[in-house]
Amino acid sequence: MQINALTRSLVAVSLLAVASMADAYIGPGSGISLLGGIWSVLVGIVLALAAILIWPIRLMIKRMRARKATQTGQATPNSQSDPQ
């Protein structure tokens, strides 16, 4: 016998409707912990996106400096000679 989705949802709604209030206290510490966790995830996402977006800009600046250094005849940091 298979119970269809409508029957399952009606049973779930009826159980939620007859549920009594829970006599429980959640202190402010758990709320602050939740906010701290959410904050750290959001900051991590923003920093990851910033790193991805800034990477091409840093590469462009590095290439411009290298091109400018070769035009003026200066050695670039990557083109140092081997002291052997």
Foldseek 3Di string as FASTA:
>chain_A
DDDDPVVVVVVVVVVVVPDDDDPDDDDVVVVVVVVVVVVVVVVVVVVVVVCVVCVVVVVVVLVVVCVVCVVVPHDDPVRDDDPD
